[in-house]
Amino acid sequence: MRIDRNETDTSAEAQVVELAASRTTPWQAGVGVIAPYDFALDRELWRWTPDDVSLHITRLPYVHVPVTVDQAAALNRAEQVDPAVRALLAPEPRAIGYACASGSFVHGAEGENALHHTMIEAGAPHAVTTSGALVRALDAMDLGRIAVVTPYVDSVTDRLLAYLGEHDVEVTSSIGLGLLSHIWQVTYSEVSHAVHAVDHPDAEAVYISCTNVLTYDIIAPLERELGKPVLAANQVTMWALLADADRQAVAHEQSLVDATAPSRV
C-alpha cells in the first residue's frame, strides 16, 4: 500500500499539537538580575534556579576601565542602576538582584543601602545586592568570623574588608588574586587552591567574592575538605533573590542552601 508522505507528516504534527494542547502550561515566576557589562557566567546563575523560575538578566553599560575601585564605583551609579531596574519590570519579576560584589561594597554599608534604595525607588518589588545578600547569609548562619578570597587587586579587596567590618564581621585572613580583567577565566583549581591557602583555624567560614568567579561545582567539595561553610558571591545572591521570590535555590550539599531550607528553619 502506498503511503502519502505529506499525509503522514500532517498526521504526526496534529498528534504533537494535540498532546501539547492537552497539557497544562507551566507557570513561571520571574526574577530579574542586573549584571556588570563584563559578566560572563549567566549559566551559573541558572544552576541555582528552580524549574518554575525564569531569570531575566540585563547588563549595566560598558565602562572602559579595568577591574579597579574606579570600575566598581562606575557600576554603582544610580543613573545606571535605575534604568537597568526599569528595563526588567515589564515581565513583572518578583524580585530584582544586583549581581556585582564590588559594585555593592565599594562605597561601604552606606553605599550598599543607597544602592538598595535606588532599586526600590525604580520599582523593584524586592531588591537584593550581592554584598547585602552576603551579610544576610552570614546572619542566617550565625557566622561572625570568615576568611576571604577575592580575584581583585588589593585596593578593591580592602573595600570589601572595610564593608565587612562595618557589619561587625571579623576577617581572619584574606587573599586577592590581583586580576584586572577576564576574571571569569579563573579555574576551579585556582579558586580551590586560594580557599585552602586562606583558611584559618579561627575562620567559621570562607567567602569567595566576585560574581564573575565560577564556584557552583566546588562549593560542596570544599566544604567537605575544610569542614566549614563556603559561601560565594553568586550563591548568596541567588539564595537571597530566590528567597524574596518565595522560592528556594537549587543546590546539592551546599551549607547555606541546606541550613536555611524551609524544613530546617
Protein backbone atom coordinates (compact mmCIF):
# COMPACT_ATOMS: atom_id res chain seq x y z
CA MET A 1 0.00 0.00 0.00
CA ARG A 2 1.35 3.42 -0.91
CA ILE A 3 1.55 5.92 1.95
CA ASP A 4 1.35 9.58 1.15
CA ARG A 5 4.33 11.14 2.97
CA ASN A 6 2.67 14.52 3.27
CA GLU A 7 -0.41 12.93 4.81
CA THR A 8 1.74 11.07 7.37
CA ASP A 9 3.69 14.19 8.33
CA THR A 10 0.48 16.16 8.76
CA SER A 11 -0.97 13.47 10.99
CA ALA A 12 2.16 13.39 13.16
CA GLU A 13 2.11 17.16 13.53
CA ALA A 14 -1.54 17.02 14.56
CA GLN A 15 -0.72 14.47 17.24
CA VAL A 16 2.08 16.64 18.62
CA VAL A 17 -0.20 19.70 18.70
CA GLU A 18 -2.96 17.69 20.35
CA LEU A 19 -0.56 16.37 23.02
CA ALA A 20 0.80 19.84 23.76
CA ALA A 21 -2.68 21.32 23.95
CA SER A 22 -3.77 18.72 26.49
CA ARG A 23 -1.10 19.70 28.99
CA THR A 24 -1.30 22.50 31.50
CA THR A 25 1.09 25.32 30.70
CA PRO A 26 3.69 25.51 33.50
CA TRP A 27 3.53 28.77 35.43
CA GLN A 28 6.80 30.62 35.71
CA ALA A 29 7.72 33.07 38.42
CA GLY A 30 10.31 35.58 37.30
CA VAL A 31 13.27 37.25 38.97
CA GLY A 32 15.41 39.97 37.48
CA VAL A 33 19.19 40.20 37.56
CA ILE A 34 21.31 43.27 36.89
CA ALA A 35 24.84 42.22 35.98
CA PRO A 36 28.03 44.14 35.11
CA TYR A 37 28.76 44.62 31.42
CA ASP A 38 31.57 42.03 31.57
CA PHE A 39 29.56 39.35 33.40
CA ALA A 40 30.20 36.03 31.67
CA LEU A 41 28.52 33.46 33.92
CA ASP A 42 24.81 33.57 33.06
CA ARG A 43 24.64 29.78 33.06
CA GLU A 44 25.98 29.58 36.61
CA LEU A 45 23.10 31.70 37.90
CA TRP A 46 20.64 29.38 36.17
CA ARG A 47 22.09 26.40 38.06
CA TRP A 48 20.75 27.75 41.36
CA THR A 49 17.38 28.49 39.74
CA PRO A 50 14.42 26.09 40.18
CA ASP A 51 12.48 24.92 37.13
CA ASP A 52 9.47 27.14 37.83
CA VAL A 53 11.52 30.35 37.82
CA SER A 54 12.78 32.34 34.84
CA LEU A 55 15.78 34.64 35.05
CA HIS A 56 15.51 37.99 33.30
CA ILE A 57 19.09 39.29 33.00
CA THR A 58 20.20 42.73 31.88
CA ARG A 59 23.63 44.37 31.92
CA LEU A 60 24.95 47.71 33.03
CA PRO A 61 26.56 49.95 30.37
CA TYR A 62 30.15 49.32 29.32
CA VAL A 63 32.86 51.20 31.20
CA HIS A 64 36.32 51.35 29.66
CA VAL A 65 38.32 50.74 32.85
CA PRO A 66 39.99 47.66 34.37
CA VAL A 67 38.62 45.87 37.45
CA THR A 68 39.57 48.53 40.00
CA VAL A 69 37.84 50.72 42.56
CA ASP A 70 37.02 53.08 39.68
CA GLN A 71 35.17 50.34 37.82
CA ALA A 72 33.25 49.29 40.93
CA ALA A 73 32.23 52.89 41.58
CA ALA A 74 31.08 53.30 37.97
CA LEU A 75 28.89 50.20 38.25
CA ASN A 76 27.30 51.60 41.42
CA ARG A 77 25.95 54.84 39.93
CA ALA A 78 22.25 55.42 40.42
CA GLU A 79 21.88 56.85 36.92
CA GLN A 80 22.98 53.46 35.54
CA VAL A 81 21.16 51.22 38.02
CA ASP A 82 17.79 53.00 37.82
CA PRO A 83 17.20 52.35 34.08
CA ALA A 84 18.51 48.79 34.44
CA VAL A 85 15.82 48.07 37.05
CA ARG A 86 13.13 49.69 34.91
CA ALA A 87 14.22 47.60 31.91
CA LEU A 88 13.36 44.47 33.92
CA LEU A 89 9.90 45.49 35.12
CA ALA A 90 7.81 44.55 32.07
CA PRO A 91 7.74 40.76 32.77
CA GLU A 92 6.82 41.55 36.40
CA PRO A 93 9.66 39.89 38.33
CA ARG A 94 9.01 39.01 41.95
CA ALA A 95 12.42 40.39 42.98
CA ILE A 96 15.44 42.00 41.34
CA GLY A 97 19.05 41.33 42.22
CA TYR A 98 22.13 43.46 41.62
CA ALA A 99 24.72 40.76 40.89
CA CYS A 100 28.00 42.54 41.43
CA ALA A 101 30.04 42.17 44.60
CA SER A 102 32.46 45.08 44.21
CA GLY A 103 29.80 47.44 42.88
CA SER A 104 27.74 46.83 46.00
CA PHE A 105 30.51 47.14 48.62
CA VAL A 106 32.72 49.82 47.04
CA HIS A 107 31.09 52.67 48.99
CA GLY A 108 30.66 50.71 52.21
CA ALA A 109 27.47 49.96 54.10
CA GLU A 110 26.03 53.40 53.31
CA GLY A 111 26.66 52.86 49.60
CA GLU A 112 25.00 49.45 49.68
CA ASN A 113 21.98 50.93 51.41
CA ALA A 114 21.80 53.69 48.81
CA LEU A 115 22.02 51.12 46.00
CA HIS A 116 19.19 49.13 47.57
CA HIS A 117 17.13 52.31 47.87
CA THR A 118 17.76 53.19 44.20
CA MET A 119 16.44 49.79 43.13
CA ILE A 120 13.29 50.06 45.24
CA GLU A 121 12.64 53.61 44.04
CA ALA A 122 12.97 52.41 40.43
CA GLY A 123 10.21 49.87 41.03
CA ALA A 124 11.84 46.64 42.22
CA PRO A 125 9.27 44.76 44.35
CA HIS A 126 12.15 43.35 46.38
CA ALA A 127 15.80 44.36 45.93
CA VAL A 128 18.88 42.26 46.61
CA THR A 129 22.54 43.20 46.23
CA THR A 130 25.40 40.73 46.35
CA SER A 131 27.04 42.37 49.35
CA GLY A 132 23.74 42.79 51.16
CA ALA A 133 22.99 39.12 50.47
CA LEU A 134 26.37 38.15 51.95
CA VAL A 135 25.59 39.89 55.24
CA ARG A 136 22.14 38.34 55.19
CA ALA A 137 23.63 34.86 54.67
CA LEU A 138 26.16 35.33 57.47
CA ASP A 139 23.38 36.41 59.80
CA ALA A 140 21.21 33.44 58.79
CA MET A 141 24.04 31.02 59.59
CA ASP A 142 25.24 32.92 62.68
CA LEU A 143 28.74 33.39 61.25
CA GLY A 144 30.87 36.26 62.53
CA ARG A 145 34.45 35.32 61.58
CA ILE A 146 35.36 34.48 57.99
CA ALA A 147 38.31 34.11 55.65
CA VAL A 148 38.01 35.88 52.29
CA VAL A 149 39.17 35.03 48.77
CA THR A 150 38.88 37.64 46.02
CA PRO A 151 40.13 37.93 42.44
CA TYR A 152 40.77 41.65 42.96
CA VAL A 153 43.73 43.94 43.35
CA ASP A 154 44.42 44.96 46.96
CA SER A 155 42.61 48.30 46.78
CA VAL A 156 39.33 46.56 45.88
CA THR A 157 39.81 43.75 48.40
CA ASP A 158 40.41 46.37 51.10
CA ARG A 159 37.00 47.91 50.34
CA LEU A 160 35.36 44.51 50.92
CA LEU A 161 37.17 44.05 54.23
CA ALA A 162 36.09 47.53 55.34
CA TYR A 163 32.47 46.78 54.37
CA LEU A 164 32.50 43.57 56.39
CA GLY A 165 33.99 45.43 59.34
CA GLU A 166 31.08 47.86 59.27
CA HIS A 167 28.80 44.86 59.76
CA ASP A 168 30.90 43.53 62.67
CA VAL A 169 32.22 40.62 60.61
CA GLU A 170 35.79 39.72 61.57
CA VAL A 171 38.06 38.72 58.68
CA THR A 172 40.67 36.26 59.92
CA SER A 173 42.65 36.23 56.67
CA SER A 174 42.29 37.27 53.04
CA ILE A 175 43.83 36.59 49.64
CA GLY A 176 43.44 38.63 46.46
CA LEU A 177 44.48 37.25 43.08
CA GLY A 178 45.33 40.70 41.70
CA LEU A 179 43.36 40.41 38.46
CA LEU A 180 42.38 43.43 36.39
CA SER A 181 40.32 41.63 33.71
CA HIS A 182 39.00 38.27 32.45
CA ILE A 183 38.09 37.13 35.95
CA TRP A 184 35.61 34.60 34.55
CA GLN A 185 38.59 32.59 33.27
CA VAL A 186 39.84 31.76 36.77
CA THR A 187 39.76 27.97 37.07
CA TYR A 188 38.24 25.79 39.76
CA SER A 189 41.72 24.62 40.74
CA GLU A 190 42.93 28.21 41.22
CA VAL A 191 39.92 29.05 43.38
CA SER A 192 40.29 25.83 45.38
CA HIS A 193 43.99 26.50 45.99
CA ALA A 194 43.23 30.03 47.19
CA VAL A 195 40.49 28.80 49.52
CA HIS A 196 42.79 26.22 51.12
CA ALA A 197 45.56 28.79 51.41
CA VAL A 198 43.37 31.42 53.10
CA ASP A 199 41.58 29.10 55.50
CA HIS A 200 42.34 29.86 59.14
CA PRO A 201 41.55 27.86 62.29
CA ASP A 202 39.57 30.81 63.67
CA ALA A 203 37.51 31.25 60.49
CA GLU A 204 33.98 29.90 60.79
CA ALA A 205 33.53 30.04 57.01
CA VAL A 206 35.25 31.09 53.80
CA TYR A 207 33.76 33.61 51.36
CA ILE A 208 34.67 33.74 47.65
CA SER A 209 33.93 37.20 46.29
CA CYS A 210 33.03 38.39 42.76
CA THR A 211 30.09 37.21 40.68
CA ASN A 212 32.44 36.59 37.74
CA VAL A 213 34.18 33.72 39.61
CA LEU A 214 32.88 30.22 38.87
CA THR A 215 32.07 28.36 42.08
CA TYR A 216 28.93 26.20 41.81
CA ASP A 217 30.63 22.81 41.44
CA ILE A 218 33.33 23.32 44.06
CA ILE A 219 31.37 24.71 47.00
CA ALA A 220 30.24 21.33 48.36
CA PRO A 221 33.63 19.59 47.89
CA LEU A 222 35.44 22.50 49.57
CA GLU A 223 33.02 22.38 52.49
CA ARG A 224 33.75 18.69 52.97
CA GLU A 225 37.50 19.29 52.78
CA LEU A 226 37.52 22.24 55.17
CA GLY A 227 34.75 21.09 57.48
CA LYS A 228 33.08 24.52 57.39
CA PRO A 229 30.69 26.54 55.20
CA VAL A 230 31.97 28.03 51.96
CA LEU A 231 29.96 30.96 50.61
CA ALA A 232 30.30 32.50 47.17
CA ALA A 233 29.09 35.72 45.57
CA ASN A 234 26.73 34.14 43.04
CA GLN A 235 25.47 31.67 45.63
CA VAL A 236 24.46 34.27 48.22
CA THR A 237 22.95 36.50 45.52
CA MET A 238 20.73 33.76 44.10
CA TRP A 239 19.89 32.39 47.56
CA ALA A 240 18.58 35.77 48.74
CA LEU A 241 16.96 36.70 45.43
CA LEU A 242 15.01 33.45 45.22
CA ALA A 243 14.01 33.63 48.88
CA ASP A 244 12.49 37.07 48.24
CA ALA A 245 10.58 35.48 45.35
CA ASP A 246 9.27 32.76 47.69
CA ARG A 247 11.45 30.13 46.08
CA GLN A 248 14.46 28.09 47.22
CA ALA A 249 17.83 27.93 45.47
CA VAL A 250 18.73 24.60 43.90
CA ALA A 251 21.96 23.12 45.24
CA HIS A 252 23.33 19.77 46.37
CA GLU A 253 25.05 19.72 49.77
CA GLN A 254 25.77 23.45 49.98
CA SER A 255 25.55 24.50 53.63
CA LEU A 256 23.86 27.85 53.03
CA VAL A 257 21.04 26.36 50.98
CA ASP A 258 20.59 23.26 53.15
CA ALA A 259 20.73 25.07 56.50
CA THR A 260 18.14 27.63 55.50
CA ALA A 261 15.73 25.30 53.71
CA PRO A 262 12.12 25.74 54.96
CA SER A 263 12.09 22.29 56.58
CA ARG A 264 15.18 23.20 58.61
CA VAL A 265 14.01 26.61 59.84
